[in-house]
PDB file of N, CA and C in Angstrom:
ATOM      1  N   MET A   1     126.010 177.668  97.073  1.00  0.00           N
ATOM      2  CA  MET A   1     126.203 177.675  98.502  1.00  0.00           C
ATOM      3  C   MET A   1     127.321 178.664  98.824  1.00  0.00           C
ATOM      4  N   THR A   2     127.205 179.297  99.957  1.00  0.00           N
ATOM      5  CA  THR A   2     128.222 180.230 100.442  1.00  0.00           C
ATOM      6  C   THR A   2     128.758 179.732 101.773  1.00  0.00           C
ATOM      7  N   VAL A   3     130.072 179.671 101.911  1.00  0.00           N
ATOM      8  CA  VAL A   3     130.710 179.321 103.174  1.00  0.00           C
ATOM      9  C   VAL A   3     130.791 180.587 104.016  1.00  0.00           C
ATOM     10  N   VAL A   4     130.265 180.533 105.236  1.00  0.00           N
ATOM     11  CA  VAL A   4     130.352 181.648 106.185  1.00  0.00           C
ATOM     12  C   VAL A   4     130.971 181.086 107.451  1.00  0.00           C
ATOM     13  N   SER A   5     132.196 181.497 107.736  1.00  0.00           N
ATOM     14  CA  SER A   5     132.912 180.940 108.877  1.00  0.00           C
ATOM     15  C   SER A   5     134.149 181.783 109.144  1.00  0.00           C
ATOM     16  N   GLY A   6     134.741 181.559 110.300  1.00  0.00           N
ATOM     17  CA  GLY A   6     136.032 182.155 110.578  1.00  0.00           C
ATOM     18  C   GLY A   6     137.103 181.362 109.847  1.00  0.00           C
ATOM     19  N   PRO A   7     138.255 181.955 109.546  1.00  0.00           N
ATOM     20  CA  PRO A   7     139.303 181.218 108.854  1.00  0.00           C
ATOM     21  C   PRO A   7     140.231 180.460 109.812  1.00  0.00           C
ATOM     22  N   ALA A   8     139.645 179.751 110.768  1.00  0.00           N
ATOM     23  CA  ALA A   8     140.437 178.982 111.734  1.00  0.00           C
ATOM     24  C   ALA A   8     141.061 177.764 111.067  1.00  0.00           C
ATOM     25  N   ALA A   9     142.056 177.200 111.717  1.00  0.00           N
ATOM     26  CA  ALA A   9     142.694 175.979 111.218  1.00  0.00           C
ATOM     27  C   ALA A   9     141.699 174.827 111.286  1.00  0.00           C
ATOM     28  N   GLY A  10     141.843 173.877 110.371  1.00  0.00           N
ATOM     29  CA  GLY A  10     140.991 172.693 110.382  1.00  0.00           C
ATOM     30  C   GLY A  10     139.883 172.779 109.366  1.00  0.00           C
ATOM     31  N   ILE A  11     138.666 172.442 109.791  1.00  0.00           N
ATOM     32  CA  ILE A  11     137.532 172.368 108.873  1.00  0.00           C
ATOM     33  C   ILE A  11     137.203 173.719 108.250  1.00  0.00           C
ATOM     34  N   ASP A  12     137.395 174.808 108.990  1.00  0.00           N
ATOM     35  CA  ASP A  12     137.145 176.143 108.430  1.00  0.00           C
ATOM     36  C   ASP A  12     138.078 176.413 107.249  1.00  0.00           C
ATOM     37  N   THR A  13     139.361 176.089 107.414  1.00  0.00           N
ATOM     38  CA  THR A  13     140.337 176.254 106.346  1.00  0.00           C
ATOM     39  C   THR A  13     139.939 175.426 105.130  1.00  0.00           C
ATOM     40  N   ALA A  14     139.567 174.177 105.370  1.00  0.00           N
ATOM     41  CA  ALA A  14     139.173 173.290 104.275  1.00  0.00           C
ATOM     42  C   ALA A  14     137.935 173.822 103.552  1.00  0.00           C
ATOM     43  N   ALA A  15     136.956 174.302 104.284  1.00  0.00           N
ATOM     44  CA  ALA A  15     135.718 174.800 103.675  1.00  0.00           C
ATOM     45  C   ALA A  15     135.983 176.038 102.816  1.00  0.00           C
ATOM     46  N   HIS A  16     136.720 177.002 103.356  1.00  0.00           N
ATOM     47  CA  HIS A  16     137.035 178.210 102.585  1.00  0.00           C
ATOM     48  C   HIS A  16     137.887 177.865 101.364  1.00  0.00           C
ATOM     49  N   GLY A  17     138.905 177.048 101.567  1.00  0.00           N
ATOM     50  CA  GLY A  17     139.803 176.667 100.475  1.00  0.00           C
ATOM     51  C   GLY A  17     139.069 175.955  99.354  1.00  0.00           C
ATOM     52  N   THR A  18     138.167 175.043  99.707  1.00  0.00           N
ATOM     53  CA  THR A  18     137.401 174.318  98.696  1.00  0.00           C
ATOM     54  C   THR A  18     136.465 175.258  97.949  1.00  0.00           C
ATOM     55  N   ALA A  19     135.782 176.136  98.677  1.00  0.00           N
ATOM     56  CA  ALA A  19     134.883 177.094  98.020  1.00  0.00           C
ATOM     57  C   ALA A  19     135.650 177.950  97.019  1.00  0.00           C
ATOM     58  N   LEU A  20     136.808 178.431  97.407  1.00  0.00           N
ATOM     59  CA  LEU A  20     137.603 179.253  96.506  1.00  0.00           C
ATOM     60  C   LEU A  20     138.100 178.439  95.310  1.00  0.00           C
ATOM     61  N   ALA A  21     138.496 177.195  95.543  1.00  0.00           N
ATOM     62  CA  ALA A  21     139.027 176.349  94.480  1.00  0.00           C
ATOM     63  C   ALA A  21     137.999 176.030  93.396  1.00  0.00           C
ATOM     64  N   VAL A  22     136.733 175.926  93.784  1.00  0.00           N
ATOM     65  CA  VAL A  22     135.696 175.575  92.806  1.00  0.00           C
ATOM     66  C   VAL A  22     134.894 176.786  92.334  1.00  0.00           C
ATOM     67  N   GLY A  23     135.360 177.985  92.674  1.00  0.00           N
ATOM     68  CA  GLY A  23     134.673 179.196  92.237  1.00  0.00           C
ATOM     69  C   GLY A  23     133.444 179.539  93.053  1.00  0.00           C
ATOM     70  N   GLY A  24     133.362 178.976  94.259  1.00  0.00           N
ATOM     71  CA  GLY A  24     132.230 179.261  95.135  1.00  0.00           C
ATOM     72  C   GLY A  24     132.403 180.571  95.875  1.00  0.00           C
ATOM     73  N   ARG A  25     131.435 180.865  96.706  1.00  0.00           N
ATOM     74  CA  ARG A  25     131.455 182.106  97.485  1.00  0.00           C
ATOM     75  C   ARG A  25     131.895 181.797  98.911  1.00  0.00           C
ATOM     76  N   THR A  26     132.598 182.743  99.504  1.00  0.00           N
ATOM     77  CA  THR A  26     133.085 182.551 100.858  1.00  0.00           C
ATOM     78  C   THR A  26     133.117 183.879 101.613  1.00  0.00           C
ATOM     79  N   VAL A  27     132.727 183.824 102.879  1.00  0.00           N
ATOM     80  CA  VAL A  27     132.741 184.977 103.774  1.00  0.00           C
ATOM     81  C   VAL A  27     133.527 184.578 105.015  1.00  0.00           C
ATOM     82  N   GLY A  28     134.598 185.292 105.294  1.00  0.00           N
ATOM     83  CA  GLY A  28     135.400 185.041 106.486  1.00  0.00           C
ATOM     84  C   GLY A  28     135.093 186.079 107.545  1.00  0.00           C
ATOM     85  N   VAL A  29     134.701 185.627 108.720  1.00  0.00           N
ATOM     86  CA  VAL A  29     134.419 186.516 109.846  1.00  0.00           C
ATOM     87  C   VAL A  29     135.556 186.316 110.844  1.00  0.00           C
ATOM     88  N   ILE A  30     136.365 187.351 111.031  1.00  0.00           N
ATOM     89  CA  ILE A  30     137.579 187.186 111.816  1.00  0.00           C
ATOM     90  C   ILE A  30     137.495 187.866 113.182  1.00  0.00           C
ATOM     91  N   GLY A  31     138.262 187.339 114.119  1.00  0.00           N
ATOM     92  CA  GLY A  31     138.297 187.853 115.486  1.00  0.00           C
ATOM     93  C   GLY A  31     139.477 188.764 115.736  1.00  0.00           C
ATOM     94  N   THR A  32     140.013 189.354 114.672  1.00  0.00           N
ATOM     95  CA  THR A  32     141.115 190.307 114.756  1.00  0.00           C
ATOM     96  C   THR A  32     140.781 191.468 113.833  1.00  0.00           C
ATOM     97  N   GLY A  33     141.701 192.413 113.744  1.00  0.00           N
ATOM     98  CA  GLY A  33     141.549 193.473 112.757  1.00  0.00           C
ATOM     99  C   GLY A  33     141.864 192.949 111.368  1.00  0.00           C
ATOM    100  N   LEU A  34     141.454 193.665 110.355  1.00  0.00           N
ATOM    101  CA  LEU A  34     141.657 193.223 108.972  1.00  0.00           C
ATOM    102  C   LEU A  34     143.124 193.156 108.567  1.00  0.00           C
ATOM    103  N   ARG A  35     143.989 193.848 109.260  1.00  0.00           N
ATOM    104  CA  ARG A  35     145.423 193.812 108.946  1.00  0.00           C
ATOM    105  C   ARG A  35     146.166 192.700 109.679  1.00  0.00           C
ATOM    106  N   ARG A  36     145.450 191.914 110.447  1.00  0.00           N
ATOM    107  CA  ARG A  36     146.044 190.804 111.200  1.00  0.00           C
ATOM    108  C   ARG A  36     145.547 189.481 110.633  1.00  0.00           C
ATOM    109  N   SER A  37     146.345 188.443 110.794  1.00  0.00           N
ATOM    110  CA  SER A  37     145.935 187.102 110.378  1.00  0.00           C
ATOM    111  C   SER A  37     146.056 186.157 111.562  1.00  0.00           C
ATOM    112  N   TYR A  38     144.981 185.452 111.812  1.00  0.00           N
ATOM    113  CA  TYR A  38     145.002 184.465 112.887  1.00  0.00           C
ATOM    114  C   TYR A  38     144.134 183.284 112.487  1.00  0.00           C
ATOM    115  N   PRO A  39     144.692 182.091 112.514  1.00  0.00           N
ATOM    116  CA  PRO A  39     146.072 181.762 112.856  1.00  0.00           C
ATOM    117  C   PRO A  39     147.033 182.257 111.764  1.00  0.00           C
ATOM    118  N   PRO A  40     148.285 182.543 112.155  1.00  0.00           N
ATOM    119  CA  PRO A  40     149.249 183.113 111.206  1.00  0.00           C
ATOM    120  C   PRO A  40     149.430 182.273 109.939  1.00  0.00           C
ATOM    121  N   GLN A  41     149.322 180.964 110.059  1.00  0.00           N
ATOM    122  CA  GLN A  41     149.514 180.110 108.880  1.00  0.00           C
ATOM    123  C   GLN A  41     148.393 180.277 107.853  1.00  0.00           C
ATOM    124  N   ASN A  42     147.314 180.951 108.214  1.00  0.00           N
ATOM    125  CA  ASN A  42     146.211 181.175 107.286  1.00  0.00           C
ATOM    126  C   ASN A  42     146.220 182.584 106.687  1.00  0.00           C
ATOM    127  N   ALA A  43     147.356 183.268 106.770  1.00  0.00           N
ATOM    128  CA  ALA A  43     147.451 184.629 106.234  1.00  0.00           C
ATOM    129  C   ALA A  43     147.132 184.655 104.738  1.00  0.00           C
ATOM    130  N   ARG A  44     147.655 183.693 103.998  1.00  0.00           N
ATOM    131  CA  ARG A  44     147.399 183.656 102.555  1.00  0.00           C
ATOM    132  C   ARG A  44     145.916 183.385 102.272  1.00  0.00           C
ATOM    133  N   LEU A  45     145.318 182.459 103.010  1.00  0.00           N
ATOM    134  CA  LEU A  45     143.895 182.167 102.852  1.00  0.00           C
ATOM    135  C   LEU A  45     143.062 183.406 103.155  1.00  0.00           C
ATOM    136  N   GLN A  46     143.386 184.091 104.233  1.00  0.00           N
ATOM    137  CA  GLN A  46     142.642 185.295 104.607  1.00  0.00           C
ATOM    138  C   GLN A  46     142.752 186.351 103.507  1.00  0.00           C
ATOM    139  N   GLN A  47     143.922 186.497 102.918  1.00  0.00           N
ATOM    140  CA  GLN A  47     144.113 187.452 101.828  1.00  0.00           C
ATOM    141  C   GLN A  47     143.278 187.052 100.609  1.00  0.00           C
ATOM    142  N   GLU A  48     143.250 185.753 100.309  1.00  0.00           N
ATOM    143  CA  GLU A  48     142.471 185.280  99.165  1.00  0.00           C
ATOM    144  C   GLU A  48     140.968 185.482  99.393  1.00  0.00           C
ATOM    145  N   ILE A  49     140.517 185.255 100.617  1.00  0.00           N
ATOM    146  CA  ILE A  49     139.103 185.523 100.942  1.00  0.00           C
ATOM    147  C   ILE A  49     138.803 187.005 100.731  1.00  0.00           C
ATOM    148  N   ALA A  50     139.704 187.874 101.183  1.00  0.00           N
ATOM    149  CA  ALA A  50     139.507 189.320 101.028  1.00  0.00           C
ATOM    150  C   ALA A  50     139.451 189.720  99.553  1.00  0.00           C
ATOM    151  N   GLU A  51     140.246 189.073  98.709  1.00  0.00           N
ATOM    152  CA  GLU A  51     140.301 189.425  97.287  1.00  0.00           C
ATOM    153  C   GLU A  51     139.157 188.829  96.474  1.00  0.00           C
ATOM    154  N   ARG A  52     138.733 187.609  96.821  1.00  0.00           N
ATOM    155  CA  ARG A  52     137.765 186.898  95.980  1.00  0.00           C
ATOM    156  C   ARG A  52     136.415 186.659  96.645  1.00  0.00           C
ATOM    157  N   GLY A  53     136.329 186.978  97.937  1.00  0.00           N
ATOM    158  CA  GLY A  53     135.086 186.794  98.679  1.00  0.00           C
ATOM    159  C   GLY A  53     134.809 188.031  99.506  1.00  0.00           C
ATOM    160  N   LEU A  54     134.542 187.806 100.780  1.00  0.00           N
ATOM    161  CA  LEU A  54     134.270 188.911 101.696  1.00  0.00           C
ATOM    162  C   LEU A  54     134.908 188.591 103.033  1.00  0.00           C
ATOM    163  N   LEU A  55     135.691 189.504 103.551  1.00  0.00           N
ATOM    164  CA  LEU A  55     136.333 189.354 104.850  1.00  0.00           C
ATOM    165  C   LEU A  55     135.761 190.423 105.775  1.00  0.00           C
ATOM    166  N   LEU A  56     135.188 189.997 106.900  1.00  0.00           N
ATOM    167  CA  LEU A  56     134.527 190.906 107.832  1.00  0.00           C
ATOM    168  C   LEU A  56     135.203 190.897 109.194  1.00  0.00           C
ATOM    169  N   SER A  57     135.271 192.065 109.810  1.00  0.00           N
ATOM    170  CA  SER A  57     135.767 192.205 111.177  1.00  0.00           C
ATOM    171  C   SER A  57     135.027 193.360 111.835  1.00  0.00           C
ATOM    172  N   GLN A  58     134.777 193.219 113.112  1.00  0.00           N
ATOM    173  CA  GLN A  58     134.156 194.325 113.851  1.00  0.00           C
ATOM    174  C   GLN A  58     135.185 195.062 114.708  1.00  0.00           C
ATOM    175  N   PHE A  59     136.455 194.772 114.461  1.00  0.00           N
ATOM    176  CA  PHE A  59     137.537 195.342 115.266  1.00  0.00           C
ATOM    177  C   PHE A  59     138.350 196.343 114.454  1.00  0.00           C
ATOM    178  N   TRP A  60     139.111 197.186 115.152  1.00  0.00           N
ATOM    179  CA  TRP A  60     140.002 198.131 114.497  1.00  0.00           C
ATOM    180  C   TRP A  60     140.971 197.360 113.606  1.00  0.00           C
ATOM    181  N   PRO A  61     141.452 197.961 112.511  1.00  0.00           N
ATOM    182  CA  PRO A  61     142.279 197.236 111.536  1.00  0.00           C
ATOM    183  C   PRO A  61     143.505 196.521 112.110  1.00  0.00           C
ATOM    184  N   ASP A  62     144.138 197.075 113.128  1.00  0.00           N
ATOM    185  CA  ASP A  62     145.340 196.457 113.689  1.00  0.00           C
ATOM    186  C   ASP A  62     145.087 195.687 114.985  1.00  0.00           C
ATOM    187  N   ALA A  63     143.827 195.427 115.327  1.00  0.00           N
ATOM    188  CA  ALA A  63     143.507 194.728 116.579  1.00  0.00           C
ATOM    189  C   ALA A  63     144.091 193.318 116.579  1.00  0.00           C
ATOM    190  N   SER A  64     144.750 192.988 117.668  1.00  0.00           N
ATOM    191  CA  SER A  64     145.345 191.656 117.842  1.00  0.00           C
ATOM    192  C   SER A  64     144.289 190.671 118.328  1.00  0.00           C
ATOM    193  N   PRO A  65     144.545 189.384 118.153  1.00  0.00           N
ATOM    194  CA  PRO A  65     143.622 188.391 118.702  1.00  0.00           C
ATOM    195  C   PRO A  65     143.643 188.411 120.226  1.00  0.00           C
ATOM    196  N   SER A  66     142.493 188.136 120.816  1.00  0.00           N
ATOM    197  CA  SER A  66     142.412 188.047 122.272  1.00  0.00           C
ATOM    198  C   SER A  66     141.332 187.042 122.644  1.00  0.00           C
ATOM    199  N   LYS A  67     141.328 186.628 123.895  1.00  0.00           N
ATOM    200  CA  LYS A  67     140.295 185.694 124.355  1.00  0.00           C
ATOM    201  C   LYS A  67     138.899 186.283 124.174  1.00  0.00           C
ATOM    202  N   ALA A  68     138.770 187.575 124.321  1.00  0.00           N
ATOM    203  CA  ALA A  68     137.457 188.222 124.219  1.00  0.00           C
ATOM    204  C   ALA A  68     137.005 188.436 122.776  1.00  0.00           C
ATOM    205  N   SER A  69     137.953 188.544 121.839  1.00  0.00           N
ATOM    206  CA  SER A  69     137.556 188.886 120.465  1.00  0.00           C
ATOM    207  C   SER A  69     136.901 187.732 119.719  1.00  0.00           C
ATOM    208  N   PHE A  70     137.282 186.502 120.003  1.00  0.00           N
ATOM    209  CA  PHE A  70     136.745 185.384 119.236  1.00  0.00           C
ATOM    210  C   PHE A  70     135.282 185.072 119.541  1.00  0.00           C
ATOM    211  N   PRO A  71     134.818 185.159 120.779  1.00  0.00           N
ATOM    212  CA  PRO A  71     133.375 184.995 120.992  1.00  0.00           C
ATOM    213  C   PRO A  71     132.550 186.051 120.258  1.00  0.00           C
ATOM    214  N   HIS A  72     133.070 187.285 120.160  1.00  0.00           N
ATOM    215  CA  HIS A  72     132.370 188.340 119.412  1.00  0.00           C
ATOM    216  C   HIS A  72     132.304 187.988 117.934  1.00  0.00           C
ATOM    217  N   ALA A  73     133.403 187.507 117.375  1.00  0.00           N
ATOM    218  CA  ALA A  73     133.421 187.124 115.963  1.00  0.00           C
ATOM    219  C   ALA A  73     132.488 185.945 115.718  1.00  0.00           C
ATOM    220  N   GLN A  74     132.450 184.998 116.652  1.00  0.00           N
ATOM    221  CA  GLN A  74     131.574 183.837 116.505  1.00  0.00           C
ATOM    222  C   GLN A  74     130.110 184.265 116.463  1.00  0.00           C
ATOM    223  N   ARG A  75     129.737 185.218 117.306  1.00  0.00           N
ATOM    224  CA  ARG A  75     128.360 185.710 117.291  1.00  0.00           C
ATOM    225  C   ARG A  75     128.049 186.393 115.959  1.00  0.00           C
ATOM    226  N   GLY A  76     129.004 187.125 115.420  1.00  0.00           N
ATOM    227  CA  GLY A  76     128.798 187.753 114.121  1.00  0.00           C
ATOM    228  C   GLY A  76     128.643 186.722 113.025  1.00  0.00           C
ATOM    229  N   ASP A  77     129.441 185.669 113.104  1.00  0.00           N
ATOM    230  CA  ASP A  77     129.368 184.550 112.159  1.00  0.00           C
ATOM    231  C   ASP A  77     127.983 183.910 112.211  1.00  0.00           C
ATOM    232  N   GLU A  78     127.474 183.678 113.402  1.00  0.00           N
ATOM    233  CA  GLU A  78     126.162 183.048 113.573  1.00  0.00           C
ATOM    234  C   GLU A  78     125.047 183.927 113.015  1.00  0.00           C
ATOM    235  N   ARG A  79     125.183 185.226 113.143  1.00  0.00           N
ATOM    236  CA  ARG A  79     124.138 186.131 112.653  1.00  0.00           C
ATOM    237  C   ARG A  79     124.045 186.146 111.129  1.00  0.00           C
ATOM    238  N   LEU A  80     125.128 185.776 110.463  1.00  0.00           N
ATOM    239  CA  LEU A  80     125.141 185.768 109.004  1.00  0.00           C
ATOM    240  C   LEU A  80     124.593 184.474 108.421  1.00  0.00           C
ATOM    241  N   GLN A  81     124.391 183.473 109.246  1.00  0.00           N
ATOM    242  CA  GLN A  81     123.923 182.167 108.760  1.00  0.00           C
ATOM    243  C   GLN A  81     122.415 182.043 108.897  1.00  0.00           C
ATOM    244  N   PRO A  82     121.782 181.374 107.923  1.00  0.00           N
ATOM    245  CA  PRO A  82     120.343 181.190 108.030  1.00  0.00           C
ATOM    246  C   PRO A  82     119.998 180.240 109.161  1.00  0.00           C
ATOM    247  N   GLY A  83     118.799 180.343 109.663  1.00  0.00           N
ATOM    248  CA  GLY A  83     118.366 179.425 110.716  1.00  0.00           C
ATOM    249  C   GLY A  83     117.627 180.155 111.828  1.00  0.00           C
ATOM    250  N   ASP A  84     117.476 179.478 112.943  1.00  0.00           N
ATOM    251  CA  ASP A  84     116.743 179.989 114.086  1.00  0.00           C
ATOM    252  C   ASP A  84     117.492 181.146 114.725  1.00  0.00           C
ATOM    253  N   ARG A  85     116.887 182.305 114.797  1.00  0.00           N
ATOM    254  CA  ARG A  85     117.524 183.510 115.350  1.00  0.00           C
ATOM    255  C   ARG A  85     117.188 183.725 116.831  1.00  0.00           C
ATOM    256  N   ARG A  86     116.530 182.776 117.469  1.00  0.00           N
ATOM    257  CA  ARG A  86     116.108 182.984 118.861  1.00  0.00           C
ATOM    258  C   ARG A  86     117.198 182.703 119.865  1.00  0.00           C
ATOM    259  N   ARG A  87     118.402 182.370 119.455  1.00  0.00           N
ATOM    260  CA  ARG A  87     119.480 182.022 120.386  1.00  0.00           C
ATOM    261  C   ARG A  87     119.847 183.154 121.273  1.00  0.00           C
TER     262      ARG A  87
END
């Protein structure tokens, strides 16, 4: 199984952390640039995803988080997951 999610606090953090701990696969889809971490407390997790999994962003490397960026990242996250594509 592969975890595909944003590295948000809560269940997303737990899912990515568990996948990494057991040698699973993980893909983090972020709503900032690759040089930014949001939430800041997940900077280490985001770095570990980048090193041992896949970290994706559709924003410039230094893009800050914004209200508009997270819905875009969520749509990208949804496109990577199997299921009904008619949404």
